[in-house]
N, C-alpha and C. Protein backbone atom coordinates (compact mmCIF):
# COMPACT_ATOMS: atom_id res chain seq x y z
N MET A 1 1.20 -20.46 40.49
CA MET A 1 2.42 -20.49 39.74
C MET A 1 2.61 -19.15 39.04
N THR A 2 3.82 -18.60 39.13
CA THR A 2 4.13 -17.35 38.45
C THR A 2 5.26 -17.57 37.47
N THR A 3 5.40 -16.61 36.57
CA THR A 3 6.50 -16.68 35.61
C THR A 3 7.69 -15.86 36.08
N THR A 4 7.59 -15.27 37.25
CA THR A 4 8.67 -14.47 37.80
C THR A 4 9.64 -15.38 38.54
N PRO A 5 10.92 -15.33 38.19
CA PRO A 5 11.90 -16.15 38.91
C PRO A 5 11.94 -15.78 40.39
N ASP A 6 12.25 -16.78 41.24
CA ASP A 6 12.29 -16.55 42.68
C ASP A 6 13.34 -15.53 43.07
N GLY A 7 14.42 -15.40 42.29
CA GLY A 7 15.52 -14.52 42.67
C GLY A 7 15.28 -13.06 42.38
N ILE A 8 14.12 -12.68 41.85
CA ILE A 8 13.85 -11.27 41.54
C ILE A 8 12.80 -10.74 42.51
N SER A 9 13.15 -9.62 43.14
CA SER A 9 12.23 -9.03 44.09
C SER A 9 11.26 -8.09 43.37
N PHE A 10 10.19 -7.74 44.08
CA PHE A 10 9.22 -6.80 43.54
C PHE A 10 9.88 -5.45 43.27
N ALA A 11 10.78 -5.03 44.14
CA ALA A 11 11.50 -3.76 43.97
C ALA A 11 12.35 -3.80 42.69
N ASP A 12 12.99 -4.95 42.43
CA ASP A 12 13.78 -5.08 41.20
C ASP A 12 12.88 -4.94 39.97
N LEU A 13 11.71 -5.57 40.02
CA LEU A 13 10.78 -5.47 38.90
C LEU A 13 10.34 -4.03 38.67
N GLN A 14 10.07 -3.31 39.75
CA GLN A 14 9.68 -1.91 39.61
C GLN A 14 10.81 -1.08 38.99
N ASP A 15 12.06 -1.38 39.36
CA ASP A 15 13.19 -0.68 38.75
C ASP A 15 13.28 -0.97 37.26
N PHE A 16 13.04 -2.25 36.87
CA PHE A 16 13.06 -2.60 35.46
C PHE A 16 11.98 -1.83 34.70
N ILE A 17 10.81 -1.75 35.28
CA ILE A 17 9.70 -1.04 34.64
C ILE A 17 10.03 0.44 34.49
N LYS A 18 10.64 1.02 35.53
CA LYS A 18 10.98 2.44 35.51
C LYS A 18 11.98 2.73 34.38
N ASP A 19 12.93 1.83 34.16
CA ASP A 19 13.96 2.02 33.14
C ASP A 19 13.55 1.53 31.76
N ALA A 20 12.46 0.81 31.66
CA ALA A 20 12.02 0.25 30.38
C ALA A 20 11.52 1.37 29.46
N PRO A 21 11.75 1.21 28.16
CA PRO A 21 11.22 2.22 27.22
C PRO A 21 9.69 2.20 27.23
N LYS A 22 9.12 3.35 26.97
CA LYS A 22 7.66 3.46 26.93
C LYS A 22 7.12 2.73 25.70
N GLU A 23 5.92 2.22 25.80
CA GLU A 23 5.31 1.41 24.73
C GLU A 23 5.27 2.16 23.40
N GLU A 24 4.89 3.45 23.45
CA GLU A 24 4.80 4.20 22.19
C GLU A 24 6.18 4.40 21.56
N GLU A 25 7.24 4.49 22.37
CA GLU A 25 8.60 4.61 21.85
C GLU A 25 9.00 3.31 21.15
N VAL A 26 8.69 2.18 21.76
CA VAL A 26 9.02 0.88 21.18
C VAL A 26 8.28 0.70 19.87
N GLN A 27 7.00 1.03 19.86
CA GLN A 27 6.20 0.85 18.65
C GLN A 27 6.68 1.78 17.55
N LYS A 28 6.96 3.03 17.87
CA LYS A 28 7.43 3.99 16.86
C LYS A 28 8.75 3.52 16.27
N LYS A 29 9.66 3.02 17.12
CA LYS A 29 10.95 2.54 16.63
C LYS A 29 10.76 1.32 15.72
N ALA A 30 9.85 0.43 16.09
CA ALA A 30 9.60 -0.77 15.29
C ALA A 30 8.99 -0.41 13.94
N GLU A 31 8.18 0.65 13.91
CA GLU A 31 7.53 1.06 12.66
C GLU A 31 8.49 1.80 11.74
N ALA A 32 9.48 2.48 12.28
CA ALA A 32 10.37 3.34 11.49
C ALA A 32 11.51 2.52 10.88
N LEU A 33 11.19 1.78 9.85
CA LEU A 33 12.14 0.87 9.24
C LEU A 33 12.89 1.45 8.06
N TYR A 34 12.43 2.52 7.50
CA TYR A 34 12.92 3.01 6.23
C TYR A 34 13.60 4.36 6.43
N ASP A 35 14.90 4.32 6.75
CA ASP A 35 15.67 5.54 7.00
C ASP A 35 14.94 6.41 8.03
N ASP A 36 14.55 5.78 9.11
CA ASP A 36 13.81 6.42 10.22
C ASP A 36 12.42 6.91 9.82
N LYS A 37 11.85 6.30 8.79
CA LYS A 37 10.49 6.63 8.37
C LYS A 37 9.63 5.37 8.46
N THR A 38 8.36 5.56 8.77
CA THR A 38 7.42 4.45 8.75
C THR A 38 6.96 4.21 7.32
N ALA A 39 6.29 3.12 7.09
CA ALA A 39 5.75 2.83 5.76
C ALA A 39 4.80 3.94 5.32
N ASN A 40 3.94 4.39 6.21
CA ASN A 40 3.00 5.45 5.85
C ASN A 40 3.70 6.76 5.53
N GLU A 41 4.75 7.09 6.30
CA GLU A 41 5.52 8.30 6.02
C GLU A 41 6.21 8.20 4.66
N LEU A 42 6.74 7.03 4.36
CA LEU A 42 7.40 6.80 3.08
C LEU A 42 6.41 6.98 1.93
N ILE A 43 5.24 6.40 2.05
CA ILE A 43 4.20 6.53 1.03
C ILE A 43 3.82 7.99 0.84
N ASP A 44 3.67 8.72 1.94
CA ASP A 44 3.32 10.15 1.86
C ASP A 44 4.40 10.95 1.13
N ILE A 45 5.67 10.66 1.40
CA ILE A 45 6.78 11.36 0.74
C ILE A 45 6.75 11.09 -0.75
N VAL A 46 6.60 9.82 -1.13
CA VAL A 46 6.58 9.47 -2.56
C VAL A 46 5.40 10.15 -3.24
N ASN A 47 4.23 10.10 -2.63
CA ASN A 47 3.05 10.73 -3.23
C ASN A 47 3.23 12.25 -3.36
N ARG A 48 3.87 12.87 -2.38
CA ARG A 48 4.11 14.31 -2.46
C ARG A 48 4.98 14.64 -3.67
N HIS A 49 6.01 13.84 -3.89
CA HIS A 49 6.90 14.10 -5.03
C HIS A 49 6.22 13.77 -6.36
N LEU A 50 5.40 12.75 -6.39
CA LEU A 50 4.65 12.46 -7.62
C LEU A 50 3.68 13.59 -7.94
N ASN A 51 3.07 14.16 -6.91
CA ASN A 51 2.19 15.31 -7.13
C ASN A 51 2.97 16.51 -7.64
N GLU A 52 4.19 16.69 -7.15
CA GLU A 52 5.03 17.79 -7.63
C GLU A 52 5.36 17.60 -9.11
N ILE A 53 5.63 16.37 -9.52
CA ILE A 53 5.89 16.10 -10.94
C ILE A 53 4.67 16.49 -11.76
N THR A 54 3.49 16.09 -11.32
CA THR A 54 2.25 16.40 -12.04
C THR A 54 2.02 17.90 -12.12
N GLU A 55 2.30 18.60 -11.03
CA GLU A 55 2.12 20.06 -11.03
C GLU A 55 3.07 20.74 -12.02
N GLU A 56 4.29 20.21 -12.14
CA GLU A 56 5.27 20.82 -13.03
C GLU A 56 5.08 20.41 -14.49
N VAL A 57 4.75 19.13 -14.70
CA VAL A 57 4.52 18.62 -16.06
C VAL A 57 3.25 17.76 -16.01
N ASN A 58 2.13 18.38 -16.35
CA ASN A 58 0.85 17.69 -16.26
C ASN A 58 0.62 16.85 -17.52
N HIS A 59 1.43 15.82 -17.65
CA HIS A 59 1.34 14.91 -18.79
C HIS A 59 1.69 13.52 -18.29
N PRO A 60 0.96 12.48 -18.71
CA PRO A 60 1.24 11.14 -18.20
C PRO A 60 2.65 10.64 -18.51
N LEU A 61 3.28 11.19 -19.55
CA LEU A 61 4.64 10.76 -19.87
C LEU A 61 5.61 11.10 -18.74
N SER A 62 5.31 12.15 -17.97
CA SER A 62 6.19 12.49 -16.84
C SER A 62 6.24 11.35 -15.84
N HIS A 63 5.14 10.67 -15.64
CA HIS A 63 5.11 9.56 -14.69
C HIS A 63 5.75 8.31 -15.30
N LYS A 64 5.60 8.12 -16.61
CA LYS A 64 6.28 6.99 -17.25
C LYS A 64 7.79 7.18 -17.13
N VAL A 65 8.28 8.39 -17.38
CA VAL A 65 9.71 8.66 -17.25
C VAL A 65 10.15 8.44 -15.79
N ALA A 66 9.33 8.85 -14.83
CA ALA A 66 9.66 8.64 -13.42
C ALA A 66 9.78 7.14 -13.12
N VAL A 67 8.82 6.36 -13.62
CA VAL A 67 8.87 4.91 -13.41
C VAL A 67 10.13 4.33 -14.04
N MET A 68 10.45 4.78 -15.25
CA MET A 68 11.63 4.26 -15.93
C MET A 68 12.91 4.61 -15.18
N GLU A 69 12.99 5.81 -14.64
CA GLU A 69 14.17 6.20 -13.84
C GLU A 69 14.27 5.35 -12.57
N ILE A 70 13.13 5.12 -11.92
CA ILE A 70 13.12 4.31 -10.71
C ILE A 70 13.53 2.88 -11.03
N VAL A 71 12.99 2.32 -12.10
CA VAL A 71 13.34 0.95 -12.48
C VAL A 71 14.83 0.86 -12.82
N THR A 72 15.36 1.86 -13.52
CA THR A 72 16.79 1.89 -13.80
C THR A 72 17.60 1.90 -12.51
N ASN A 73 17.16 2.69 -11.55
CA ASN A 73 17.85 2.71 -10.25
C ASN A 73 17.81 1.34 -9.57
N MET A 74 16.67 0.67 -9.68
CA MET A 74 16.54 -0.66 -9.06
C MET A 74 17.42 -1.69 -9.77
N ILE A 75 17.52 -1.60 -11.10
CA ILE A 75 18.41 -2.50 -11.84
C ILE A 75 19.84 -2.27 -11.37
N ASP A 76 20.25 -1.00 -11.32
CA ASP A 76 21.61 -0.67 -10.90
C ASP A 76 21.88 -1.13 -9.47
N TRP A 77 20.91 -0.88 -8.58
CA TRP A 77 21.06 -1.27 -7.16
C TRP A 77 21.23 -2.77 -7.03
N HIS A 78 20.35 -3.51 -7.66
CA HIS A 78 20.39 -4.98 -7.53
C HIS A 78 21.64 -5.56 -8.18
N THR A 79 22.07 -4.99 -9.29
CA THR A 79 23.30 -5.46 -9.95
C THR A 79 24.52 -5.17 -9.06
N THR A 80 24.56 -3.99 -8.47
CA THR A 80 25.67 -3.63 -7.58
C THR A 80 25.74 -4.57 -6.38
N ILE A 81 24.60 -4.85 -5.78
CA ILE A 81 24.57 -5.75 -4.62
C ILE A 81 24.95 -7.17 -5.04
N ALA A 82 24.48 -7.61 -6.21
CA ALA A 82 24.83 -8.95 -6.71
C ALA A 82 26.34 -9.06 -6.87
N ASN A 83 26.96 -8.05 -7.45
CA ASN A 83 28.42 -8.06 -7.62
C ASN A 83 29.14 -8.06 -6.28
N LYS A 84 28.60 -7.31 -5.32
CA LYS A 84 29.20 -7.28 -3.97
C LYS A 84 29.12 -8.67 -3.33
N MET A 85 27.97 -9.32 -3.48
CA MET A 85 27.80 -10.66 -2.92
C MET A 85 28.76 -11.65 -3.58
N ILE A 86 28.99 -11.51 -4.88
CA ILE A 86 29.95 -12.37 -5.57
C ILE A 86 31.34 -12.16 -4.97
N ASP A 87 31.72 -10.88 -4.81
CA ASP A 87 33.03 -10.56 -4.23
C ASP A 87 33.20 -11.13 -2.83
N GLU A 88 32.09 -11.22 -2.09
CA GLU A 88 32.13 -11.72 -0.72
C GLU A 88 31.93 -13.24 -0.66
N GLY A 89 31.82 -13.87 -1.83
CA GLY A 89 31.67 -15.32 -1.86
C GLY A 89 30.29 -15.82 -1.49
N GLU A 90 29.31 -14.95 -1.49
CA GLU A 90 27.93 -15.32 -1.14
C GLU A 90 27.14 -15.56 -2.42
N THR A 91 27.43 -16.66 -3.07
CA THR A 91 26.89 -16.96 -4.39
C THR A 91 25.37 -17.05 -4.40
N ASP A 92 24.78 -17.72 -3.43
CA ASP A 92 23.32 -17.87 -3.42
C ASP A 92 22.63 -16.50 -3.33
N SER A 93 23.15 -15.64 -2.46
CA SER A 93 22.58 -14.29 -2.34
C SER A 93 22.78 -13.51 -3.63
N ALA A 94 23.97 -13.65 -4.22
CA ALA A 94 24.27 -12.94 -5.48
C ALA A 94 23.29 -13.35 -6.57
N ILE A 95 23.01 -14.64 -6.66
CA ILE A 95 22.08 -15.12 -7.68
C ILE A 95 20.69 -14.53 -7.46
N ALA A 96 20.25 -14.47 -6.22
CA ALA A 96 18.93 -13.91 -5.92
C ALA A 96 18.86 -12.43 -6.31
N TRP A 97 19.90 -11.67 -5.97
CA TRP A 97 19.93 -10.25 -6.33
C TRP A 97 19.97 -10.09 -7.86
N ALA A 98 20.76 -10.91 -8.54
CA ALA A 98 20.86 -10.82 -10.00
C ALA A 98 19.53 -11.19 -10.66
N ARG A 99 18.85 -12.20 -10.13
CA ARG A 99 17.54 -12.57 -10.67
C ARG A 99 16.56 -11.41 -10.55
N ASP A 100 16.58 -10.74 -9.40
CA ASP A 100 15.69 -9.60 -9.22
C ASP A 100 16.05 -8.46 -10.15
N ALA A 101 17.35 -8.26 -10.41
CA ALA A 101 17.76 -7.25 -11.40
C ALA A 101 17.16 -7.60 -12.75
N GLY A 102 17.15 -8.89 -13.09
CA GLY A 102 16.54 -9.34 -14.34
C GLY A 102 15.05 -9.09 -14.38
N LYS A 103 14.39 -9.24 -13.25
CA LYS A 103 12.95 -8.96 -13.19
C LYS A 103 12.68 -7.48 -13.46
N PHE A 104 13.53 -6.63 -12.87
CA PHE A 104 13.38 -5.20 -13.14
C PHE A 104 13.67 -4.89 -14.61
N GLN A 105 14.62 -5.59 -15.20
CA GLN A 105 14.90 -5.40 -16.63
C GLN A 105 13.68 -5.80 -17.46
N SER A 106 12.98 -6.86 -17.05
CA SER A 106 11.74 -7.25 -17.73
C SER A 106 10.69 -6.16 -17.63
N ILE A 107 10.60 -5.54 -16.46
CA ILE A 107 9.66 -4.42 -16.29
C ILE A 107 10.00 -3.31 -17.27
N MET A 108 11.31 -3.00 -17.38
CA MET A 108 11.74 -1.95 -18.31
C MET A 108 11.40 -2.32 -19.74
N ASN A 109 11.62 -3.58 -20.09
CA ASN A 109 11.31 -4.03 -21.45
C ASN A 109 9.83 -3.85 -21.78
N ILE A 110 8.97 -4.06 -20.81
CA ILE A 110 7.54 -3.84 -21.02
C ILE A 110 7.24 -2.35 -21.11
N LEU A 111 7.83 -1.56 -20.24
CA LEU A 111 7.56 -0.12 -20.21
C LEU A 111 7.87 0.55 -21.55
N VAL A 112 8.98 0.19 -22.16
CA VAL A 112 9.34 0.86 -23.41
C VAL A 112 8.42 0.50 -24.56
N THR A 113 7.63 -0.56 -24.41
CA THR A 113 6.68 -0.94 -25.47
C THR A 113 5.32 -0.26 -25.30
N ILE A 114 5.13 0.45 -24.21
CA ILE A 114 3.88 1.16 -23.95
C ILE A 114 4.03 2.59 -24.44
N ALA A 115 3.18 2.98 -25.39
CA ALA A 115 3.24 4.34 -25.93
C ALA A 115 2.29 5.25 -25.17
N ILE A 116 2.81 6.39 -24.76
CA ILE A 116 1.98 7.41 -24.12
C ILE A 116 1.84 8.55 -25.15
N GLY A 117 0.95 8.35 -26.08
CA GLY A 117 0.73 9.35 -27.13
C GLY A 117 1.70 9.19 -28.28
N ASN A 118 1.50 10.01 -29.31
CA ASN A 118 2.30 9.93 -30.54
C ASN A 118 3.72 10.46 -30.36
N ASP A 119 3.95 11.30 -29.38
CA ASP A 119 5.25 11.93 -29.19
C ASP A 119 6.04 11.33 -28.04
N ASP A 120 5.77 10.07 -27.71
CA ASP A 120 6.46 9.39 -26.61
C ASP A 120 7.88 9.02 -27.04
N PHE A 121 8.84 9.81 -26.60
CA PHE A 121 10.23 9.58 -26.99
C PHE A 121 10.84 8.33 -26.33
N THR A 122 10.14 7.75 -25.35
CA THR A 122 10.64 6.56 -24.69
C THR A 122 10.15 5.28 -25.34
N HIS A 123 9.20 5.41 -26.23
CA HIS A 123 8.55 4.26 -26.83
C HIS A 123 9.42 3.61 -27.90
N ILE A 124 9.51 2.28 -27.83
CA ILE A 124 10.22 1.49 -28.83
C ILE A 124 9.22 0.46 -29.37
N GLU A 125 9.10 0.43 -30.69
CA GLU A 125 8.20 -0.57 -31.30
C GLU A 125 8.72 -1.96 -31.01
N ASN A 126 7.80 -2.88 -30.77
CA ASN A 126 8.24 -4.28 -30.54
C ASN A 126 8.09 -5.10 -31.76
């Protein structure tokens, strides 16, 4: 018993194979999910920029500010998408996006209570 339908000839199969994408092309395309970058490439890019921040401002507050800026971006992103989903009548999706915006807001609330030294201008007493 074979899994090949009776109506397909061996020559047809060879033509399909000839026109099929190569395995490494398929795998590379499947891995490149993030603006044509793989997860490992994305991690390398982020780490390169974090290292640049450290080289320019060798103080832990530079990374706290970076985290706060990223979290702010995530709050804005999730809120924007939630509003878009509301406009499109996709209430369940909107609620999920808004909840995640709230989770990022919680992260921000925690971040501002963490002091990085006496001169941390981002620190708010709780």
